[in-house]
Protein backbone atom coordinates (compact mmCIF):
# COMPACT_ATOMS: atom_id res chain seq x y z
CA MET A 1 87.52 91.20 118.69
CA ARG A 2 83.17 90.96 119.40
CA ARG A 3 83.45 94.15 121.20
CA GLN A 4 85.21 96.02 118.08
CA ILE A 5 82.61 94.34 115.82
CA PHE A 6 79.99 95.85 118.15
CA ILE A 7 81.44 99.14 117.52
CA LEU A 8 81.93 98.70 113.89
CA LEU A 9 78.09 98.02 113.54
CA GLY A 10 76.99 100.68 115.54
CA ALA A 11 79.55 103.22 113.85
CA ALA A 12 78.15 102.60 110.52
CA LEU A 13 74.42 102.56 111.28
CA GLY A 14 74.62 105.53 113.27
CA ALA A 15 70.78 104.97 114.42
CA ALA A 16 71.18 101.39 115.46
CA PRO A 17 69.75 100.02 118.48
CA ALA A 18 71.35 100.55 122.18
CA ALA A 19 71.82 96.77 122.08
CA LEU A 20 73.76 96.72 119.18
CA ARG A 21 76.53 99.33 120.56
CA ALA A 22 76.46 97.76 124.31
CA GLN A 23 79.28 95.85 125.60
CA ALA A 24 78.46 92.24 124.64
CA PRO A 25 80.25 89.53 126.51
CA GLU A 26 83.25 88.69 124.99
CA GLY A 27 82.21 85.33 122.75
CA ALA A 28 78.34 86.17 122.69
CA PRO A 29 77.13 86.33 118.97
CA VAL A 30 76.62 89.77 117.47
CA PRO A 31 73.13 91.05 116.85
CA LEU A 32 72.61 91.39 113.12
CA SER A 33 70.18 92.36 110.46
CA LEU A 34 69.73 92.09 107.01
CA ALA A 35 69.77 95.96 106.74
CA GLN A 36 72.68 95.99 109.18
CA ALA A 37 74.62 93.77 107.09
CA VAL A 38 74.32 95.48 103.70
CA ALA A 39 75.23 99.03 105.56
CA VAL A 40 78.41 97.34 107.25
CA ALA A 41 79.36 95.77 103.83
CA ARG A 42 78.79 99.00 101.86
CA ASP A 43 81.00 101.08 104.14
CA THR A 44 83.46 98.46 105.39
CA THR A 45 84.74 95.78 103.25
CA PRO A 46 88.06 95.69 101.51
CA GLY A 47 86.67 96.15 98.03
CA VAL A 48 84.79 99.17 98.61
CA ARG A 49 87.45 100.42 100.64
CA LEU A 50 89.85 99.91 97.57
CA ALA A 51 87.71 101.63 95.42
CA ALA A 52 87.40 104.65 97.68
CA LEU A 53 91.10 104.69 97.03
CA ARG A 54 90.67 104.71 93.58
CA VAL A 55 88.61 107.76 93.69
CA GLU A 56 91.25 109.72 95.94
CA GLU A 57 94.01 108.79 92.88
CA SER A 58 91.91 109.84 90.09
CA GLU A 59 91.12 113.02 92.10
CA ALA A 60 94.99 113.42 92.80
CA ARG A 61 95.62 112.84 89.10
CA ALA A 62 92.59 115.69 88.58
CA ARG A 63 94.71 118.27 90.60
CA GLN A 64 98.22 117.35 88.47
CA ALA A 65 96.30 118.21 85.25
CA ARG A 66 95.12 121.18 86.61
CA GLY A 67 98.50 122.02 87.79
CA ALA A 68 99.83 122.42 84.29
CA LEU A 69 97.66 125.51 84.15
CA LEU A 70 98.79 127.25 87.26
CA PRO A 71 101.87 129.59 87.66
CA THR A 72 105.25 127.69 88.17
CA VAL A 73 107.71 129.54 90.25
CA GLY A 74 111.27 128.71 91.06
CA ALA A 75 114.34 130.19 92.72
CA THR A 76 118.28 130.03 91.48
CA VAL A 77 121.18 131.15 92.99
CA GLY A 78 124.62 130.51 91.52
CA ASN A 79 128.30 131.82 92.02
CA LEU A 80 130.32 131.15 89.06
CA ASP A 81 134.00 131.15 88.94
CA ARG A 82 135.13 130.67 85.30
CA THR A 83 138.11 130.52 82.67
CA PHE A 84 138.01 129.51 79.11
CA ASN A 85 140.27 129.01 76.03
CA ARG A 86 140.28 131.86 73.84
CA ALA A 87 141.64 129.70 71.01
CA SER A 88 138.87 126.99 71.04
CA MET A 89 136.43 129.73 70.76
CA GLY A 90 137.59 130.90 67.19
CA ILE A 91 138.81 134.36 68.60
CA GLU A 92 141.86 136.06 67.01
CA PHE A 93 143.50 139.35 68.46
CA PRO A 94 146.03 140.77 66.26
CA ALA A 95 149.64 141.07 67.50
CA ILE A 96 150.67 144.53 68.96
CA PRO A 97 154.27 145.35 68.28
CA GLY A 98 156.33 145.58 71.38
CA GLN A 99 153.62 143.90 73.53
CA ALA A 100 153.29 140.54 74.64
CA PRO A 101 150.96 138.27 72.74
CA ILE A 102 147.46 137.91 74.61
CA PRO A 103 147.44 134.33 76.32
CA ASP A 104 145.13 131.42 75.57
CA LEU A 105 143.99 131.24 78.73
CA ILE A 106 141.19 133.90 79.49
CA GLY A 107 140.07 134.47 83.40
CA PRO A 108 139.33 133.67 85.83
CA PHE A 109 135.73 135.84 85.82
CA ASP A 110 133.24 135.64 88.80
CA ASN A 111 129.65 135.85 88.44
CA PHE A 112 126.94 136.01 90.96
CA ASP A 113 123.33 135.43 90.01
CA ALA A 114 120.30 135.07 92.29
CA ARG A 115 116.89 135.23 90.26
CA LEU A 116 113.26 134.02 90.59
CA LYS A 117 111.51 132.60 87.46
CA LEU A 118 107.67 132.41 86.97
CA THR A 119 106.13 130.71 84.13
CA GLN A 120 102.12 131.14 83.45
CA THR A 121 100.29 129.40 80.77
CA LEU A 122 98.24 132.32 79.32
CA PHE A 123 96.49 129.96 76.57
CA ASP A 124 96.63 126.51 76.22
CA PRO A 125 93.61 124.51 74.68
CA ALA A 126 95.03 120.98 75.02
CA GLY A 127 95.75 121.67 78.65
CA PHE A 128 92.16 122.95 79.54
CA VAL A 129 90.34 119.97 77.98
CA ARG A 130 92.87 117.64 79.61
CA THR A 131 91.74 118.86 82.96
CA ARG A 132 88.28 118.01 81.84
CA ALA A 133 88.93 114.86 80.96
CA ALA A 134 90.82 114.26 83.91
CA ARG A 135 87.39 115.46 86.22
CA GLU A 136 85.53 112.79 83.84
CA ALA A 137 87.76 110.50 85.25
CA VAL A 138 87.06 111.18 88.58
CA ALA A 139 83.36 110.99 88.16
CA GLY A 140 83.91 107.69 86.83
CA SER A 141 85.96 106.33 89.57
CA THR A 142 83.32 107.58 91.66
CA ALA A 143 80.53 105.60 89.97
CA GLU A 144 82.98 102.38 90.21
CA ARG A 145 83.12 102.89 93.92
CA ASP A 146 79.31 103.10 93.83
CA VAL A 147 79.38 99.73 91.73
CA ALA A 148 81.62 97.91 94.36
CA ALA A 149 79.57 99.05 97.12
CA GLU A 150 76.55 97.61 95.35
CA ALA A 151 78.24 94.31 94.84
CA ALA A 152 79.27 94.23 98.63
CA ALA A 153 75.41 94.90 99.42
CA GLN A 154 74.14 92.21 97.34
CA ARG A 155 77.12 89.79 98.41
CA ALA A 156 76.12 90.64 102.05
CA ALA A 157 72.46 90.08 101.68
CA ALA A 158 73.03 86.90 99.49
CA THR A 159 75.14 85.31 102.38
CA TYR A 160 72.81 86.77 104.82
CA LEU A 161 69.94 84.97 103.40
CA ARG A 162 72.22 81.73 103.05
CA ALA A 163 73.02 82.00 106.62
CA THR A 164 68.93 82.24 107.63
CA ARG A 165 68.35 79.47 105.47
CA ALA A 166 70.92 77.51 107.07
CA GLY A 167 69.36 78.27 110.39
CA ALA A 168 66.06 77.31 108.94
CA VAL A 169 67.01 73.94 107.83
CA VAL A 170 68.84 73.30 111.39
CA ALA A 171 65.55 74.10 112.86
CA ALA A 172 63.69 71.73 110.62
CA ARG A 173 66.06 69.15 111.39
CA ARG A 174 65.67 69.75 115.09
CA GLU A 175 61.92 69.03 114.54
CA ASP A 176 62.52 65.95 112.35
CA VAL A 177 64.68 64.68 115.44
CA ARG A 178 62.11 65.48 117.95
CA LEU A 179 59.43 63.92 115.77
CA ALA A 180 61.44 61.00 115.19
CA GLU A 181 61.91 60.49 118.83
CA GLU A 182 58.15 60.47 119.11
CA LEU A 183 57.85 57.88 116.82
CA VAL A 184 60.09 55.62 118.35
CA ALA A 185 58.24 55.74 121.74
CA LEU A 186 55.12 55.04 119.98
CA ALA A 187 56.55 52.38 118.25
CA ARG A 188 57.99 50.57 121.95
CA GLU A 189 54.77 51.43 123.58
CA GLN A 190 52.90 49.34 120.78
CA LEU A 191 55.42 46.53 121.05
CA ALA A 192 55.08 46.69 124.50
CA ALA A 193 51.25 46.63 124.03
CA GLY A 194 51.50 43.57 121.90
CA VAL A 195 50.04 45.22 118.81
CA SER A 196 53.09 45.80 116.93
CA THR A 197 56.46 43.65 116.20
CA ALA A 198 60.02 44.46 116.96
CA ILE A 199 60.99 45.52 113.44
CA ASP A 200 58.78 48.53 113.77
CA VAL A 201 60.73 49.71 116.74
CA THR A 202 63.92 48.81 114.78
CA ARG A 203 62.38 51.35 111.45
CA ALA A 204 61.64 54.07 113.92
CA GLU A 205 65.05 53.91 115.84
CA SER A 206 66.97 53.99 112.21
CA GLN A 207 64.86 56.98 111.22
CA ARG A 208 65.98 58.50 114.55
CA VAL A 209 69.45 58.11 113.90
CA ALA A 210 69.24 59.32 110.14
CA ALA A 211 67.50 62.50 111.35
CA VAL A 212 70.21 63.05 114.34
CA GLY A 213 72.68 62.53 111.19
CA MET A 214 70.78 65.00 109.26
CA LEU A 215 70.82 67.32 112.30
CA ARG A 216 74.38 67.55 112.43
CA VAL A 217 74.86 67.89 108.70
CA ALA A 218 72.79 70.97 109.10
CA GLU A 219 74.77 72.59 111.91
CA ASN A 220 77.79 72.31 109.99
CA GLY A 221 75.94 73.92 106.97
CA ALA A 222 74.80 76.74 109.23
CA ALA A 223 78.62 76.99 110.68
CA GLN A 224 79.86 77.31 107.26
CA ALA A 225 77.15 80.20 106.59
CA GLN A 226 78.31 82.04 109.40
CA ILE A 227 81.92 82.26 108.06
CA GLU A 228 80.74 83.21 104.68
CA LEU A 229 78.58 86.01 106.15
CA ALA A 230 81.63 86.92 108.29
CA ARG A 231 84.08 87.14 105.24
CA ALA A 232 81.31 89.26 103.23
CA LEU A 233 81.35 91.91 105.93
CA GLY A 234 85.07 91.79 106.19
CA VAL A 235 85.52 91.13 109.75
CA ASP A 236 86.87 88.02 111.68
CA PRO A 237 85.66 84.87 110.21
CA GLY A 238 85.51 83.56 113.67
CA THR A 239 82.38 86.03 114.44
CA ARG A 240 79.41 84.43 115.04
CA PHE A 241 75.93 86.41 114.58
CA ALA A 242 72.67 86.13 115.97
CA LEU A 243 70.42 86.61 112.91
CA SER A 244 67.39 88.76 113.91
CA ASP A 245 65.58 88.41 110.42
CA THR A 246 64.31 85.55 108.88
CA LEU A 247 63.26 83.87 105.82
CA PRO A 248 59.85 85.60 104.85
CA ALA A 249 56.67 83.77 104.95
CA GLY A 250 53.85 84.54 102.76
CA ALA A 251 53.04 84.26 98.94
CA ASP A 252 55.11 87.32 98.05
CA ALA A 253 57.87 87.43 100.52
CA GLY A 254 57.87 91.22 100.45
CA ILE A 255 58.37 91.51 96.46
CA ALA A 256 55.28 93.72 94.91
CA ALA A 257 54.59 93.44 91.61
CA ALA A 258 56.43 95.07 89.06
CA ASP A 259 56.31 96.21 85.48
CA ALA A 260 59.51 95.04 83.63
CA GLU A 261 59.47 98.18 81.68
CA GLU A 262 58.77 100.52 84.93
CA ALA A 263 61.90 98.32 86.30
CA THR A 264 64.07 98.55 83.79
CA ARG A 265 63.79 102.44 83.34
CA ARG A 266 64.49 102.81 87.00
CA ALA A 267 67.50 100.53 86.73
CA LEU A 268 69.04 102.52 83.81
CA ALA A 269 68.38 105.60 85.94
CA ALA A 270 70.10 104.10 89.01
CA ARG A 271 72.61 101.67 88.02
CA PRO A 272 76.48 102.97 89.05
CA ASP A 273 77.81 100.51 86.53
CA LEU A 274 75.87 102.36 83.77
CA ARG A 275 77.07 105.95 84.90
CA SER A 276 80.76 104.47 85.22
CA ALA A 277 80.33 103.30 81.62
CA ALA A 278 78.69 106.69 80.45
CA ALA A 279 81.51 108.78 82.44
CA LEU A 280 84.28 106.33 80.66
CA GLU A 281 82.87 107.34 77.52
CA THR A 282 82.65 111.01 78.04
CA ALA A 283 86.13 110.86 79.38
CA ALA A 284 87.13 108.95 76.14
CA LYS A 285 85.68 111.73 73.88
CA THR A 286 87.00 114.69 76.23
CA GLN A 287 90.74 113.11 75.75
CA ARG A 288 90.49 112.55 72.02
CA ARG A 289 89.40 116.38 72.18
CA SER A 290 92.37 117.13 73.82
CA ILE A 291 94.44 115.52 71.42
CA HIS A 292 92.85 117.42 68.43
CA ALA A 293 93.57 120.71 70.55
CA GLU A 294 97.26 120.05 70.66
CA ARG A 295 97.41 121.63 67.26
CA LEU A 296 96.65 124.77 68.12
CA PRO A 297 98.93 127.51 69.32
CA ARG A 298 100.19 127.69 73.22
CA LEU A 299 100.74 131.19 74.76
CA ASP A 300 102.94 131.20 77.94
CA LEU A 301 104.05 133.92 80.19
CA VAL A 302 107.58 133.75 80.85
CA ALA A 303 109.29 136.29 83.45
CA ASP A 304 112.37 136.39 85.74
CA TRP A 305 113.51 138.86 88.31
CA GLY A 306 117.09 139.06 90.25
CA VAL A 307 120.49 140.28 91.07
CA ASN A 308 123.45 139.77 89.28
CA GLY A 309 127.33 140.95 89.09
CA PRO A 310 130.92 139.92 89.83
CA SER A 311 129.92 139.22 93.15
CA VAL A 312 127.53 139.74 96.05
CA GLU A 313 128.33 143.01 96.91
CA ASP A 314 128.62 144.65 93.27
CA ALA A 315 125.20 142.91 92.18
CA ILE A 316 122.23 144.90 90.44
CA SER A 317 118.69 143.89 89.61
CA THR A 318 117.71 142.58 86.31
CA ARG A 319 114.82 141.45 84.87
CA GLN A 320 113.17 140.00 82.12
CA VAL A 321 109.54 139.47 80.98
CA GLY A 322 108.52 137.80 77.77
CA VAL A 323 105.66 136.14 76.25
CA GLN A 324 106.32 132.78 74.34
CA VAL A 325 103.92 131.50 71.60
CA SER A 326 104.30 127.57 70.67
CA LEU A 327 102.55 126.09 67.67
CA PRO A 328 103.30 122.56 66.58
CA LEU A 329 103.82 121.74 63.37
CA LEU A 330 104.85 118.33 62.69
CA ASP A 331 105.55 115.41 65.07
CA GLY A 332 105.94 112.58 63.05
CA LEU A 333 102.31 111.47 62.51
CA ARG A 334 102.32 110.72 66.08
CA ARG A 335 99.28 113.04 67.01
CA GLU A 336 97.30 111.19 64.26
CA SER A 337 98.25 107.64 65.56
CA ARG A 338 97.11 108.87 69.19
CA LEU A 339 93.69 110.15 67.49
CA ALA A 340 93.17 106.79 66.05
CA GLU A 341 93.81 104.79 68.91
CA GLN A 342 91.67 107.21 71.17
CA ASP A 343 88.91 106.79 68.22
CA ALA A 344 89.08 103.10 68.86
CA VAL A 345 88.79 103.70 72.65
CA VAL A 346 85.69 105.84 72.22
CA ARG A 347 84.01 102.95 70.19
CA GLU A 348 84.83 100.54 72.85
CA ALA A 349 83.29 102.51 75.42
CA GLN A 350 80.09 103.14 73.46
CA LEU A 351 79.95 99.38 72.64
CA ARG A 352 80.49 98.59 76.33
CA GLN A 353 77.79 100.50 77.43
CA THR A 354 75.32 99.60 74.75
CA ASP A 355 75.53 95.78 75.95
CA LEU A 356 75.79 96.85 79.56
CA ARG A 357 72.22 98.25 78.92
CA ARG A 358 70.75 95.08 77.28
CA GLN A 359 72.48 93.46 80.21
CA ILE A 360 70.71 95.22 82.91
CA GLU A 361 67.40 94.69 81.05
CA ALA A 362 67.62 90.82 80.85
CA GLU A 363 68.86 90.93 84.84
CA VAL A 364 65.69 93.11 85.84
CA ARG A 365 63.36 90.43 83.73
CA SER A 366 65.42 87.39 85.10
CA ALA A 367 64.84 88.71 88.28
CA LEU A 368 61.04 89.42 87.75
CA LEU A 369 60.63 85.99 86.53
CA ASP A 370 62.39 84.55 89.57
CA ALA A 371 60.19 86.55 92.18
CA GLU A 372 57.27 85.30 90.49
CA SER A 373 58.48 81.65 90.24
CA GLY A 374 59.39 82.12 94.04
CA ARG A 375 55.85 83.29 94.67
CA GLU A 376 54.36 79.88 92.85
CA GLN A 377 56.85 77.81 94.62
CA GLN A 378 56.09 79.09 98.07
CA GLU A 379 52.08 78.20 97.32
CA VAL A 380 52.81 75.04 96.37
CA ALA A 381 55.48 74.25 99.07
CA ALA A 382 52.91 75.34 101.29
CA GLU A 383 50.16 72.98 100.10
CA ARG A 384 52.67 70.09 100.21
CA LEU A 385 53.63 70.91 103.80
CA ARG A 386 49.74 70.60 104.88
CA LEU A 387 49.14 67.33 103.13
CA ALA A 388 52.26 65.83 104.26
CA GLU A 389 51.23 67.00 107.74
CA GLU A 390 47.83 65.11 107.38
CA GLU A 391 49.59 62.01 106.08
CA LEU A 392 51.49 61.72 108.74
CA GLY A 393 48.65 62.24 111.01
CA GLN A 394 46.74 59.80 109.29
CA ALA A 395 49.42 57.34 109.42
CA ARG A 396 50.26 57.69 113.00
CA GLU A 397 46.33 57.20 113.85
CA ARG A 398 46.30 53.91 111.86
CA PHE A 399 49.85 52.53 113.51
CA ALA A 400 48.36 53.43 117.13
CA ASN A 401 44.95 51.43 116.32
CA GLY A 402 46.77 48.70 115.09
CA VAL A 403 45.69 48.61 111.93
CA ALA A 404 48.59 48.81 110.16
CA GLY A 405 52.68 48.71 110.48
CA ASN A 406 54.64 51.64 110.78
CA ILE A 407 55.79 51.62 107.33
CA GLU A 408 53.18 54.10 106.17
CA LEU A 409 54.28 56.24 108.93
CA ILE A 410 57.85 56.20 108.15
CA SER A 411 57.06 57.28 104.58
CA ALA A 412 54.86 59.88 105.93
CA GLN A 413 57.97 61.03 108.09
CA SER A 414 59.85 61.09 105.05
CA SER A 415 57.36 63.26 103.17
CA LEU A 416 56.90 65.69 106.12
CA VAL A 417 60.91 65.91 105.94
CA ARG A 418 60.68 66.81 102.20
CA ALA A 419 58.11 68.85 102.15
CA ARG A 420 59.48 71.00 105.09
CA ASP A 421 63.02 71.32 102.98
CA ALA A 422 60.92 72.43 100.09
CA VAL A 423 58.93 75.18 102.02
CA ILE A 424 62.66 76.51 103.12
CA ASP A 425 63.94 76.41 99.43
CA ALA A 426 60.99 78.24 98.07
CA ARG A 427 61.29 80.95 100.44
CA TYR A 428 64.72 81.22 99.99
CA ALA A 429 64.24 81.45 96.41
CA THR A 430 61.86 84.08 96.74
CA ALA A 431 64.20 86.13 99.09
CA GLN A 432 66.85 85.45 96.37
CA ALA A 433 64.71 87.01 93.82
CA ARG A 434 64.55 90.07 95.66
CA VAL A 435 68.10 90.53 96.35
CA SER A 436 68.63 89.99 92.46
CA LEU A 437 65.71 92.29 91.75
CA ALA A 438 67.43 94.79 94.26
CA ARG A 439 70.64 94.76 92.38
CA ALA A 440 69.23 94.43 88.85
CA VAL A 441 67.46 98.27 89.71
CA GLY A 442 70.53 99.56 91.83
CA ALA A 443 69.22 99.54 94.80
CA ALA A 444 70.80 96.22 96.89
CA GLY A 445 71.94 99.22 99.46
CA ALA A 446 68.46 100.03 100.17
CA LEU A 447 67.66 96.04 101.44
CA ARG A 448 65.49 95.83 104.61
């Protein structure tokens, strides 16, 4: 299964590194970057594939609508042997004196007919507009596929970041365990030197046990995040990944300052869900025009050619060519009701599009606010971590010199744990804001 995933990732990315396409040992973690996760999710997840199938369905419906304007050719072959009752047809023949009356049963008669029939629409305004509406529906389905791809990319990026955060938490908890073990050793040294009491060792060991417990919880969270990531990529939930990207450090975490109006303009131009809403409105208006066009006359060419006679040997060639004009006069006011229904559909599409524009602007502004907040959180968390490390160093020095017990040291140790978590949370919040901003402007598939 791991080998199949390597092949899948390599095929989806094309220019992926050679190591990605290499034959990895069974059970080895699959190397995965954020860009690779996004690319795979956009192409292979079930939601995207289902949306692609819906595009194929709409394309088939468009071909069906166009087929109503194309020639229709059929063939019939028949041999008829018939009798009929003269009296049932109201045919009366006068009796001829001296002759037997004509019997009521007439026949049998034989008739052979083989014929090709052609029907071609010459002018059908409603059919032409219906074909155009079907093409607009294809554009809407294509935009829906892009919406599904963007949603899959966002989900993959978000789950990748959660997995990365979980990995960072595991690393932090391991560092906490290492520090706790160092402090246990220090407490035992102080006890052996006679400058500390047994309770200091007990406190340090209690902190070590708590750190080990927190490490186990973090490892479980990392395993759960790996399962979520596998589901987001549409692969076996048992797959494990070696994540090549980490939560970015730094004040901006890769997010450039963006003007809200400019970001909104980009979003309105690029968001596939807005294109889908616009296509649905256009299709609804086109469908309404097709109903209006049903009031116009329709012109069809009808022709047939074949052979006809009492038997196959006696059949001769016959033909028929005609032009037929159809003009609807009254349909029980059904057309007017359909127009009223379609008018409501058009207004609904317009209202949905207006609301979507406002939603997009709100999402962009919210993502920009989250990005700014994330940058500020990182600055505060970095300073908090620096102070916690200083506090721990000073408390350790005081305890090592016998100036104080390890209560201060344990308090500083707890502060350091919280500071490390604050740094991870700030980086994660900033990275999530970056994903949200990319989704808001319709560029989730370009995340790197």
